[in-house]
Amino acid sequence: MQEHRLRVSTKGQVVIPEDIRKKYGITPGTELMLRPLDENRLVIEKVPKLSELFGVLGNVKTAEVLSKQREDELKIEHERNTELRKGIKIQ
């Protein structure tokens, strides 16, 4: 993936490049989470809408699928964090 250099404005704002916004579906009003990994690295993640998490509330099958997805996400996040701590560049 191509790297982008961003500059922080006097108001503390950064512009997310258009190709990144399109690829990840970041539109006006999209909530993002900024998480520090260490003194020099930050992770920006989209915050999923509640409607994306629960298509049909009360559906047991949906709850099982979401639970499995969350387990997979936590495993991937753990692996990513381990790699970042080792200094491996993730693409």
PDB file of N, CA and C in Angstrom:
ATOM      1  N   MET A   1       0.846  -1.182   0.000  1.00  0.00           N
ATOM      2  CA  MET A   1       0.000   0.000   0.000  1.00  0.00           C
ATOM      3  C   MET A   1       0.882   1.233   0.000  1.00  0.00           C
ATOM      4  N   GLN A   2       0.464   2.207  -0.741  1.00  0.00           N
ATOM      5  CA  GLN A   2       1.201   3.469  -0.852  1.00  0.00           C
ATOM      6  C   GLN A   2       1.141   4.244   0.471  1.00  0.00           C
ATOM      7  N   GLU A   3       2.246   4.827   0.830  1.00  0.00           N
ATOM      8  CA  GLU A   3       2.289   5.647   2.039  1.00  0.00           C
ATOM      9  C   GLU A   3       1.941   7.082   1.691  1.00  0.00           C
ATOM     10  N   HIS A   4       1.333   7.783   2.649  1.00  0.00           N
ATOM     11  CA  HIS A   4       0.968   9.185   2.461  1.00  0.00           C
ATOM     12  C   HIS A   4       1.554   9.988   3.607  1.00  0.00           C
ATOM     13  N   ARG A   5       2.110  11.126   3.277  1.00  0.00           N
ATOM     14  CA  ARG A   5       2.618  12.026   4.307  1.00  0.00           C
ATOM     15  C   ARG A   5       1.505  13.034   4.590  1.00  0.00           C
ATOM     16  N   LEU A   6       1.156  13.188   5.858  1.00  0.00           N
ATOM     17  CA  LEU A   6       0.100  14.105   6.277  1.00  0.00           C
ATOM     18  C   LEU A   6       0.711  15.212   7.125  1.00  0.00           C
ATOM     19  N   ARG A   7       0.068  16.363   7.070  1.00  0.00           N
ATOM     20  CA  ARG A   7       0.524  17.494   7.887  1.00  0.00           C
ATOM     21  C   ARG A   7      -0.638  17.919   8.785  1.00  0.00           C
ATOM     22  N   VAL A   8      -0.337  18.168  10.037  1.00  0.00           N
ATOM     23  CA  VAL A   8      -1.341  18.600  10.999  1.00  0.00           C
ATOM     24  C   VAL A   8      -1.503  20.110  10.881  1.00  0.00           C
ATOM     25  N   SER A   9      -2.765  20.562  10.745  1.00  0.00           N
ATOM     26  CA  SER A   9      -3.031  21.999  10.641  1.00  0.00           C
ATOM     27  C   SER A   9      -2.925  22.655  12.013  1.00  0.00           C
ATOM     28  N   THR A  10      -3.018  23.978  12.030  1.00  0.00           N
ATOM     29  CA  THR A  10      -2.968  24.715  13.304  1.00  0.00           C
ATOM     30  C   THR A  10      -4.157  24.355  14.197  1.00  0.00           C
ATOM     31  N   LYS A  11      -5.227  23.818  13.583  1.00  0.00           N
ATOM     32  CA  LYS A  11      -6.404  23.393  14.349  1.00  0.00           C
ATOM     33  C   LYS A  11      -6.317  21.929  14.761  1.00  0.00           C
ATOM     34  N   GLY A  12      -5.180  21.262  14.459  1.00  0.00           N
ATOM     35  CA  GLY A  12      -5.009  19.862  14.830  1.00  0.00           C
ATOM     36  C   GLY A  12      -5.673  18.898  13.855  1.00  0.00           C
ATOM     37  N   GLN A  13      -5.980  19.361  12.652  1.00  0.00           N
ATOM     38  CA  GLN A  13      -6.664  18.527  11.668  1.00  0.00           C
ATOM     39  C   GLN A  13      -5.683  17.957  10.654  1.00  0.00           C
ATOM     40  N   VAL A  14      -6.034  16.770  10.118  1.00  0.00           N
ATOM     41  CA  VAL A  14      -5.287  16.181   9.016  1.00  0.00           C
ATOM     42  C   VAL A  14      -6.287  15.833   7.918  1.00  0.00           C
ATOM     43  N   VAL A  15      -5.822  15.822   6.684  1.00  0.00           N
ATOM     44  CA  VAL A  15      -6.677  15.452   5.552  1.00  0.00           C
ATOM     45  C   VAL A  15      -6.340  14.023   5.172  1.00  0.00           C
ATOM     46  N   ILE A  16      -7.356  13.167   5.127  1.00  0.00           N
ATOM     47  CA  ILE A  16      -7.165  11.789   4.686  1.00  0.00           C
ATOM     48  C   ILE A  16      -7.256  11.806   3.168  1.00  0.00           C
ATOM     49  N   PRO A  17      -6.226  11.325   2.478  1.00  0.00           N
ATOM     50  CA  PRO A  17      -6.223  11.362   1.015  1.00  0.00           C
ATOM     51  C   PRO A  17      -7.452  10.668   0.411  1.00  0.00           C
ATOM     52  N   GLU A  18      -7.898  11.191  -0.724  1.00  0.00           N
ATOM     53  CA  GLU A  18      -9.120  10.706  -1.368  1.00  0.00           C
ATOM     54  C   GLU A  18      -9.076   9.212  -1.655  1.00  0.00           C
ATOM     55  N   ASP A  19      -7.952   8.693  -2.155  1.00  0.00           N
ATOM     56  CA  ASP A  19      -7.900   7.270  -2.488  1.00  0.00           C
ATOM     57  C   ASP A  19      -8.084   6.395  -1.251  1.00  0.00           C
ATOM     58  N   ILE A  20      -7.585   6.844  -0.117  1.00  0.00           N
ATOM     59  CA  ILE A  20      -7.766   6.098   1.136  1.00  0.00           C
ATOM     60  C   ILE A  20      -9.225   6.179   1.583  1.00  0.00           C
ATOM     61  N   ARG A  21      -9.813   7.392   1.497  1.00  0.00           N
ATOM     62  CA  ARG A  21     -11.229   7.547   1.890  1.00  0.00           C
ATOM     63  C   ARG A  21     -12.115   6.641   1.055  1.00  0.00           C
ATOM     64  N   LYS A  22     -11.882   6.593  -0.254  1.00  0.00           N
ATOM     65  CA  LYS A  22     -12.701   5.752  -1.141  1.00  0.00           C
ATOM     66  C   LYS A  22     -12.520   4.278  -0.824  1.00  0.00           C
ATOM     67  N   LYS A  23     -11.269   3.853  -0.683  1.00  0.00           N
ATOM     68  CA  LYS A  23     -10.974   2.439  -0.445  1.00  0.00           C
ATOM     69  C   LYS A  23     -11.635   1.930   0.836  1.00  0.00           C
ATOM     70  N   TYR A  24     -11.638   2.756   1.886  1.00  0.00           N
ATOM     71  CA  TYR A  24     -12.151   2.322   3.172  1.00  0.00           C
ATOM     72  C   TYR A  24     -13.551   2.858   3.495  1.00  0.00           C
ATOM     73  N   GLY A  25     -14.189   3.487   2.523  1.00  0.00           N
ATOM     74  CA  GLY A  25     -15.559   3.952   2.728  1.00  0.00           C
ATOM     75  C   GLY A  25     -15.687   5.031   3.787  1.00  0.00           C
ATOM     76  N   ILE A  26     -14.700   5.898   3.853  1.00  0.00           N
ATOM     77  CA  ILE A  26     -14.739   6.991   4.831  1.00  0.00           C
ATOM     78  C   ILE A  26     -15.429   8.180   4.185  1.00  0.00           C
ATOM     79  N   THR A  27     -16.598   8.491   4.678  1.00  0.00           N
ATOM     80  CA  THR A  27     -17.407   9.586   4.154  1.00  0.00           C
ATOM     81  C   THR A  27     -17.627  10.607   5.265  1.00  0.00           C
ATOM     82  N   PRO A  28     -18.103  11.810   4.930  1.00  0.00           N
ATOM     83  CA  PRO A  28     -18.368  12.793   5.983  1.00  0.00           C
ATOM     84  C   PRO A  28     -19.251  12.193   7.076  1.00  0.00           C
ATOM     85  N   GLY A  29     -18.853  12.370   8.304  1.00  0.00           N
ATOM     86  CA  GLY A  29     -19.605  11.830   9.435  1.00  0.00           C
ATOM     87  C   GLY A  29     -19.109  10.472   9.912  1.00  0.00           C
ATOM     88  N   THR A  30     -18.230   9.823   9.136  1.00  0.00           N
ATOM     89  CA  THR A  30     -17.675   8.541   9.565  1.00  0.00           C
ATOM     90  C   THR A  30     -16.850   8.757  10.826  1.00  0.00           C
ATOM     91  N   GLU A  31     -17.091   7.930  11.842  1.00  0.00           N
ATOM     92  CA  GLU A  31     -16.321   8.040  13.076  1.00  0.00           C
ATOM     93  C   GLU A  31     -15.063   7.201  12.962  1.00  0.00           C
ATOM     94  N   LEU A  32     -13.950   7.781  13.382  1.00  0.00           N
ATOM     95  CA  LEU A  32     -12.678   7.086  13.385  1.00  0.00           C
ATOM     96  C   LEU A  32     -12.128   7.068  14.805  1.00  0.00           C
ATOM     97  N   MET A  33     -11.359   6.027  15.122  1.00  0.00           N
ATOM     98  CA  MET A  33     -10.729   5.930  16.421  1.00  0.00           C
ATOM     99  C   MET A  33      -9.222   6.027  16.217  1.00  0.00           C
ATOM    100  N   LEU A  34      -8.573   6.853  16.997  1.00  0.00           N
ATOM    101  CA  LEU A  34      -7.127   7.023  16.938  1.00  0.00           C
ATOM    102  C   LEU A  34      -6.544   6.375  18.186  1.00  0.00           C
ATOM    103  N   ARG A  35      -5.695   5.358  17.971  1.00  0.00           N
ATOM    104  CA  ARG A  35      -5.149   4.611  19.096  1.00  0.00           C
ATOM    105  C   ARG A  35      -3.626   4.654  19.050  1.00  0.00           C
ATOM    106  N   PRO A  36      -2.988   5.156  20.097  1.00  0.00           N
ATOM    107  CA  PRO A  36      -1.523   5.171  20.119  1.00  0.00           C
ATOM    108  C   PRO A  36      -0.974   3.772  20.359  1.00  0.00           C
ATOM    109  N   LEU A  37       0.069   3.406  19.598  1.00  0.00           N
ATOM    110  CA  LEU A  37       0.758   2.134  19.805  1.00  0.00           C
ATOM    111  C   LEU A  37       2.007   2.345  20.653  1.00  0.00           C
ATOM    112  N   ASP A  38       2.694   3.435  20.386  1.00  0.00           N
ATOM    113  CA  ASP A  38       3.860   3.817  21.172  1.00  0.00           C
ATOM    114  C   ASP A  38       4.089   5.304  20.937  1.00  0.00           C
ATOM    115  N   GLU A  39       5.256   5.810  21.255  1.00  0.00           N
ATOM    116  CA  GLU A  39       5.508   7.256  21.153  1.00  0.00           C
ATOM    117  C   GLU A  39       5.493   7.782  19.723  1.00  0.00           C
ATOM    118  N   ASN A  40       5.697   6.914  18.731  1.00  0.00           N
ATOM    119  CA  ASN A  40       5.794   7.366  17.344  1.00  0.00           C
ATOM    120  C   ASN A  40       4.743   6.791  16.405  1.00  0.00           C
ATOM    121  N   ARG A  41       3.944   5.858  16.867  1.00  0.00           N
ATOM    122  CA  ARG A  41       2.992   5.206  15.965  1.00  0.00           C
ATOM    123  C   ARG A  41       1.572   5.282  16.494  1.00  0.00           C
ATOM    124  N   LEU A  42       0.667   5.567  15.556  1.00  0.00           N
ATOM    125  CA  LEU A  42      -0.762   5.649  15.857  1.00  0.00           C
ATOM    126  C   LEU A  42      -1.505   4.764  14.875  1.00  0.00           C
ATOM    127  N   VAL A  43      -2.636   4.210  15.299  1.00  0.00           N
ATOM    128  CA  VAL A  43      -3.501   3.428  14.423  1.00  0.00           C
ATOM    129  C   VAL A  43      -4.821   4.175  14.312  1.00  0.00           C
ATOM    130  N   ILE A  44      -5.306   4.313  13.092  1.00  0.00           N
ATOM    131  CA  ILE A  44      -6.617   4.929  12.857  1.00  0.00           C
ATOM    132  C   ILE A  44      -7.542   3.821  12.369  1.00  0.00           C
ATOM    133  N   GLU A  45      -8.662   3.640  13.046  1.00  0.00           N
ATOM    134  CA  GLU A  45      -9.624   2.598  12.687  1.00  0.00           C
ATOM    135  C   GLU A  45     -11.016   3.200  12.550  1.00  0.00           C
ATOM    136  N   LYS A  46     -11.782   2.650  11.608  1.00  0.00           N
ATOM    137  CA  LYS A  46     -13.183   3.054  11.486  1.00  0.00           C
ATOM    138  C   LYS A  46     -13.965   2.453  12.645  1.00  0.00           C
ATOM    139  N   VAL A  47     -14.866   3.239  13.208  1.00  0.00           N
ATOM    140  CA  VAL A  47     -15.769   2.750  14.235  1.00  0.00           C
ATOM    141  C   VAL A  47     -17.020   2.266  13.515  1.00  0.00           C
ATOM    142  N   PRO A  48     -17.324   0.958  13.585  1.00  0.00           N
ATOM    143  CA  PRO A  48     -18.500   0.461  12.868  1.00  0.00           C
ATOM    144  C   PRO A  48     -19.787   1.023  13.464  1.00  0.00           C
ATOM    145  N   LYS A  49     -20.742   1.267  12.577  1.00  0.00           N
ATOM    146  CA  LYS A  49     -22.056   1.720  13.031  1.00  0.00           C
ATOM    147  C   LYS A  49     -22.752   0.546  13.709  1.00  0.00           C
ATOM    148  N   LEU A  50     -23.604   0.834  14.676  1.00  0.00           N
ATOM    149  CA  LEU A  50     -24.334  -0.207  15.375  1.00  0.00           C
ATOM    150  C   LEU A  50     -25.149  -1.038  14.393  1.00  0.00           C
ATOM    151  N   SER A  51     -25.709  -0.389  13.379  1.00  0.00           N
ATOM    152  CA  SER A  51     -26.518  -1.107  12.398  1.00  0.00           C
ATOM    153  C   SER A  51     -25.681  -2.099  11.601  1.00  0.00           C
ATOM    154  N   GLU A  52     -24.382  -1.817  11.435  1.00  0.00           N
ATOM    155  CA  GLU A  52     -23.499  -2.750  10.741  1.00  0.00           C
ATOM    156  C   GLU A  52     -23.182  -3.950  11.614  1.00  0.00           C
ATOM    157  N   LEU A  53     -23.153  -3.739  12.923  1.00  0.00           N
ATOM    158  CA  LEU A  53     -22.854  -4.834  13.837  1.00  0.00           C
ATOM    159  C   LEU A  53     -24.041  -5.763  14.039  1.00  0.00           C
ATOM    160  N   PHE A  54     -25.227  -5.204  14.071  1.00  0.00           N
ATOM    161  CA  PHE A  54     -26.430  -5.985  14.343  1.00  0.00           C
ATOM    162  C   PHE A  54     -27.446  -5.783  13.233  1.00  0.00           C
ATOM    163  N   GLY A  55     -27.371  -6.631  12.207  1.00  0.00           N
ATOM    164  CA  GLY A  55     -28.314  -6.551  11.094  1.00  0.00           C
ATOM    165  C   GLY A  55     -29.732  -6.824  11.554  1.00  0.00           C
ATOM    166  N   VAL A  56     -29.907  -7.881  12.329  1.00  0.00           N
ATOM    167  CA  VAL A  56     -31.229  -8.246  12.840  1.00  0.00           C
ATOM    168  C   VAL A  56     -31.074  -8.497  14.333  1.00  0.00           C
ATOM    169  N   LEU A  57     -31.554  -7.570  15.136  1.00  0.00           N
ATOM    170  CA  LEU A  57     -31.419  -7.708  16.578  1.00  0.00           C
ATOM    171  C   LEU A  57     -32.215  -8.910  17.081  1.00  0.00           C
ATOM    172  N   GLY A  58     -31.645  -9.642  17.984  1.00  0.00           N
ATOM    173  CA  GLY A  58     -32.329 -10.776  18.565  1.00  0.00           C
ATOM    174  C   GLY A  58     -32.141 -12.067  17.785  1.00  0.00           C
ATOM    175  N   ASN A  59     -31.538 -12.025  16.632  1.00  0.00           N
ATOM    176  CA  ASN A  59     -31.322 -13.213  15.826  1.00  0.00           C
ATOM    177  C   ASN A  59     -30.117 -13.968  16.399  1.00  0.00           C
ATOM    178  N   VAL A  60     -30.343 -15.202  16.876  1.00  0.00           N
ATOM    179  CA  VAL A  60     -29.290 -15.990  17.507  1.00  0.00           C
ATOM    180  C   VAL A  60     -28.161 -16.275  16.530  1.00  0.00           C
ATOM    181  N   LYS A  61     -28.498 -16.620  15.302  1.00  0.00           N
ATOM    182  CA  LYS A  61     -27.485 -16.914  14.290  1.00  0.00           C
ATOM    183  C   LYS A  61     -26.609 -15.685  14.064  1.00  0.00           C
ATOM    184  N   THR A  62     -27.222 -14.505  14.004  1.00  0.00           N
ATOM    185  CA  THR A  62     -26.467 -13.265  13.824  1.00  0.00           C
ATOM    186  C   THR A  62     -25.508 -13.062  14.988  1.00  0.00           C
ATOM    187  N   ALA A  63     -25.971 -13.316  16.205  1.00  0.00           N
ATOM    188  CA  ALA A  63     -25.130 -13.156  17.384  1.00  0.00           C
ATOM    189  C   ALA A  63     -23.942 -14.110  17.334  1.00  0.00           C
ATOM    190  N   GLU A  64     -24.166 -15.338  16.874  1.00  0.00           N
ATOM    191  CA  GLU A  64     -23.074 -16.307  16.762  1.00  0.00           C
ATOM    192  C   GLU A  64     -22.053 -15.853  15.730  1.00  0.00           C
ATOM    193  N   VAL A  65     -22.534 -15.364  14.594  1.00  0.00           N
ATOM    194  CA  VAL A  65     -21.647 -14.895  13.528  1.00  0.00           C
ATOM    195  C   VAL A  65     -20.833 -13.702  14.019  1.00  0.00           C
ATOM    196  N   LEU A  66     -21.492 -12.755  14.700  1.00  0.00           N
ATOM    197  CA  LEU A  66     -20.796 -11.578  15.213  1.00  0.00           C
ATOM    198  C   LEU A  66     -19.758 -11.962  16.266  1.00  0.00           C
ATOM    199  N   SER A  67     -20.102 -12.921  17.108  1.00  0.00           N
ATOM    200  CA  SER A  67     -19.170 -13.378  18.125  1.00  0.00           C
ATOM    201  C   SER A  67     -17.933 -14.003  17.482  1.00  0.00           C
ATOM    202  N   LYS A  68     -18.126 -14.819  16.468  1.00  0.00           N
ATOM    203  CA  LYS A  68     -17.009 -15.447  15.752  1.00  0.00           C
ATOM    204  C   LYS A  68     -16.169 -14.380  15.047  1.00  0.00           C
ATOM    205  N   GLN A  69     -16.842 -13.409  14.406  1.00  0.00           N
ATOM    206  CA  GLN A  69     -16.125 -12.320  13.742  1.00  0.00           C
ATOM    207  C   GLN A  69     -15.268 -11.559  14.736  1.00  0.00           C
ATOM    208  N   ARG A  70     -15.814 -11.267  15.899  1.00  0.00           N
ATOM    209  CA  ARG A  70     -15.083 -10.515  16.913  1.00  0.00           C
ATOM    210  C   ARG A  70     -13.864 -11.302  17.384  1.00  0.00           C
ATOM    211  N   GLU A  71     -14.019 -12.611  17.569  1.00  0.00           N
ATOM    212  CA  GLU A  71     -12.887 -13.450  17.946  1.00  0.00           C
ATOM    213  C   GLU A  71     -11.783 -13.360  16.892  1.00  0.00           C
ATOM    214  N   ASP A  72     -12.177 -13.449  15.624  1.00  0.00           N
ATOM    215  CA  ASP A  72     -11.212 -13.357  14.518  1.00  0.00           C
ATOM    216  C   ASP A  72     -10.523 -11.998  14.502  1.00  0.00           C
ATOM    217  N   GLU A  73     -11.305 -10.926  14.716  1.00  0.00           N
ATOM    218  CA  GLU A  73     -10.741  -9.576  14.734  1.00  0.00           C
ATOM    219  C   GLU A  73      -9.733  -9.416  15.874  1.00  0.00           C
ATOM    220  N   LEU A  74     -10.074  -9.947  17.050  1.00  0.00           N
ATOM    221  CA  LEU A  74      -9.167  -9.849  18.193  1.00  0.00           C
ATOM    222  C   LEU A  74      -7.872 -10.608  17.927  1.00  0.00           C
ATOM    223  N   LYS A  75      -7.980 -11.765  17.282  1.00  0.00           N
ATOM    224  CA  LYS A  75      -6.790 -12.549  16.942  1.00  0.00           C
ATOM    225  C   LYS A  75      -5.907 -11.768  15.963  1.00  0.00           C
ATOM    226  N   ILE A  76      -6.527 -11.202  14.929  1.00  0.00           N
ATOM    227  CA  ILE A  76      -5.785 -10.422  13.931  1.00  0.00           C
ATOM    228  C   ILE A  76      -5.154  -9.201  14.584  1.00  0.00           C
ATOM    229  N   GLU A  77      -5.910  -8.519  15.447  1.00  0.00           N
ATOM    230  CA  GLU A  77      -5.380  -7.334  16.125  1.00  0.00           C
ATOM    231  C   GLU A  77      -4.185  -7.700  16.998  1.00  0.00           C
ATOM    232  N   HIS A  78      -4.283  -8.829  17.696  1.00  0.00           N
ATOM    233  CA  HIS A  78      -3.167  -9.281  18.527  1.00  0.00           C
ATOM    234  C   HIS A  78      -1.940  -9.560  17.670  1.00  0.00           C
ATOM    235  N   GLU A  79      -2.135 -10.237  16.546  1.00  0.00           N
ATOM    236  CA  GLU A  79      -1.022 -10.539  15.642  1.00  0.00           C
ATOM    237  C   GLU A  79      -0.409  -9.249  15.092  1.00  0.00           C
ATOM    238  N   ARG A  80      -1.272  -8.293  14.701  1.00  0.00           N
ATOM    239  CA  ARG A  80      -0.810  -7.012  14.184  1.00  0.00           C
ATOM    240  C   ARG A  80       0.022  -6.263  15.223  1.00  0.00           C
ATOM    241  N   ASN A  81      -0.488  -6.217  16.436  1.00  0.00           N
ATOM    242  CA  ASN A  81       0.226  -5.522  17.506  1.00  0.00           C
ATOM    243  C   ASN A  81       1.563  -6.190  17.801  1.00  0.00           C
ATOM    244  N   THR A  82       1.588  -7.516  17.774  1.00  0.00           N
ATOM    245  CA  THR A  82       2.832  -8.254  17.991  1.00  0.00           C
ATOM    246  C   THR A  82       3.839  -7.907  16.906  1.00  0.00           C
ATOM    247  N   GLU A  83       3.388  -7.881  15.652  1.00  0.00           N
ATOM    248  CA  GLU A  83       4.274  -7.542  14.540  1.00  0.00           C
ATOM    249  C   GLU A  83       4.777  -6.111  14.653  1.00  0.00           C
ATOM    250  N   LEU A  84       3.889  -5.193  15.028  1.00  0.00           N
ATOM    251  CA  LEU A  84       4.292  -3.790  15.159  1.00  0.00           C
ATOM    252  C   LEU A  84       5.326  -3.629  16.266  1.00  0.00           C
ATOM    253  N   ARG A  85       5.141  -4.351  17.350  1.00  0.00           N
ATOM    254  CA  ARG A  85       6.111  -4.263  18.444  1.00  0.00           C
ATOM    255  C   ARG A  85       7.476  -4.802  18.020  1.00  0.00           C
ATOM    256  N   LYS A  86       7.469  -5.762  17.115  1.00  0.00           N
ATOM    257  CA  LYS A  86       8.728  -6.323  16.617  1.00  0.00           C
ATOM    258  C   LYS A  86       9.363  -5.432  15.556  1.00  0.00           C
ATOM    259  N   GLY A  87       8.631  -4.400  15.116  1.00  0.00           N
ATOM    260  CA  GLY A  87       9.165  -3.478  14.123  1.00  0.00           C
ATOM    261  C   GLY A  87       8.983  -3.939  12.697  1.00  0.00           C
ATOM    262  N   ILE A  88       8.061  -4.897  12.488  1.00  0.00           N
ATOM    263  CA  ILE A  88       7.786  -5.364  11.132  1.00  0.00           C
ATOM    264  C   ILE A  88       6.773  -4.424  10.517  1.00  0.00           C
ATOM    265  N   LYS A  89       7.054  -3.956   9.308  1.00  0.00           N
ATOM    266  CA  LYS A  89       6.145  -3.044   8.601  1.00  0.00           C
ATOM    267  C   LYS A  89       4.984  -3.847   8.042  1.00  0.00           C
ATOM    268  N   ILE A  90       3.749  -3.470   8.399  1.00  0.00           N
ATOM    269  CA  ILE A  90       2.548  -4.128   7.890  1.00  0.00           C
ATOM    270  C   ILE A  90       2.067  -3.402   6.656  1.00  0.00           C
ATOM    271  N   GLN A  91       1.724  -4.146   5.646  1.00  0.00           N
ATOM    272  CA  GLN A  91       1.249  -3.529   4.400  1.00  0.00           C
ATOM    273  C   GLN A  91      -0.237  -3.674   4.274  1.00  0.00           C
TER     274      GLN A  91
END
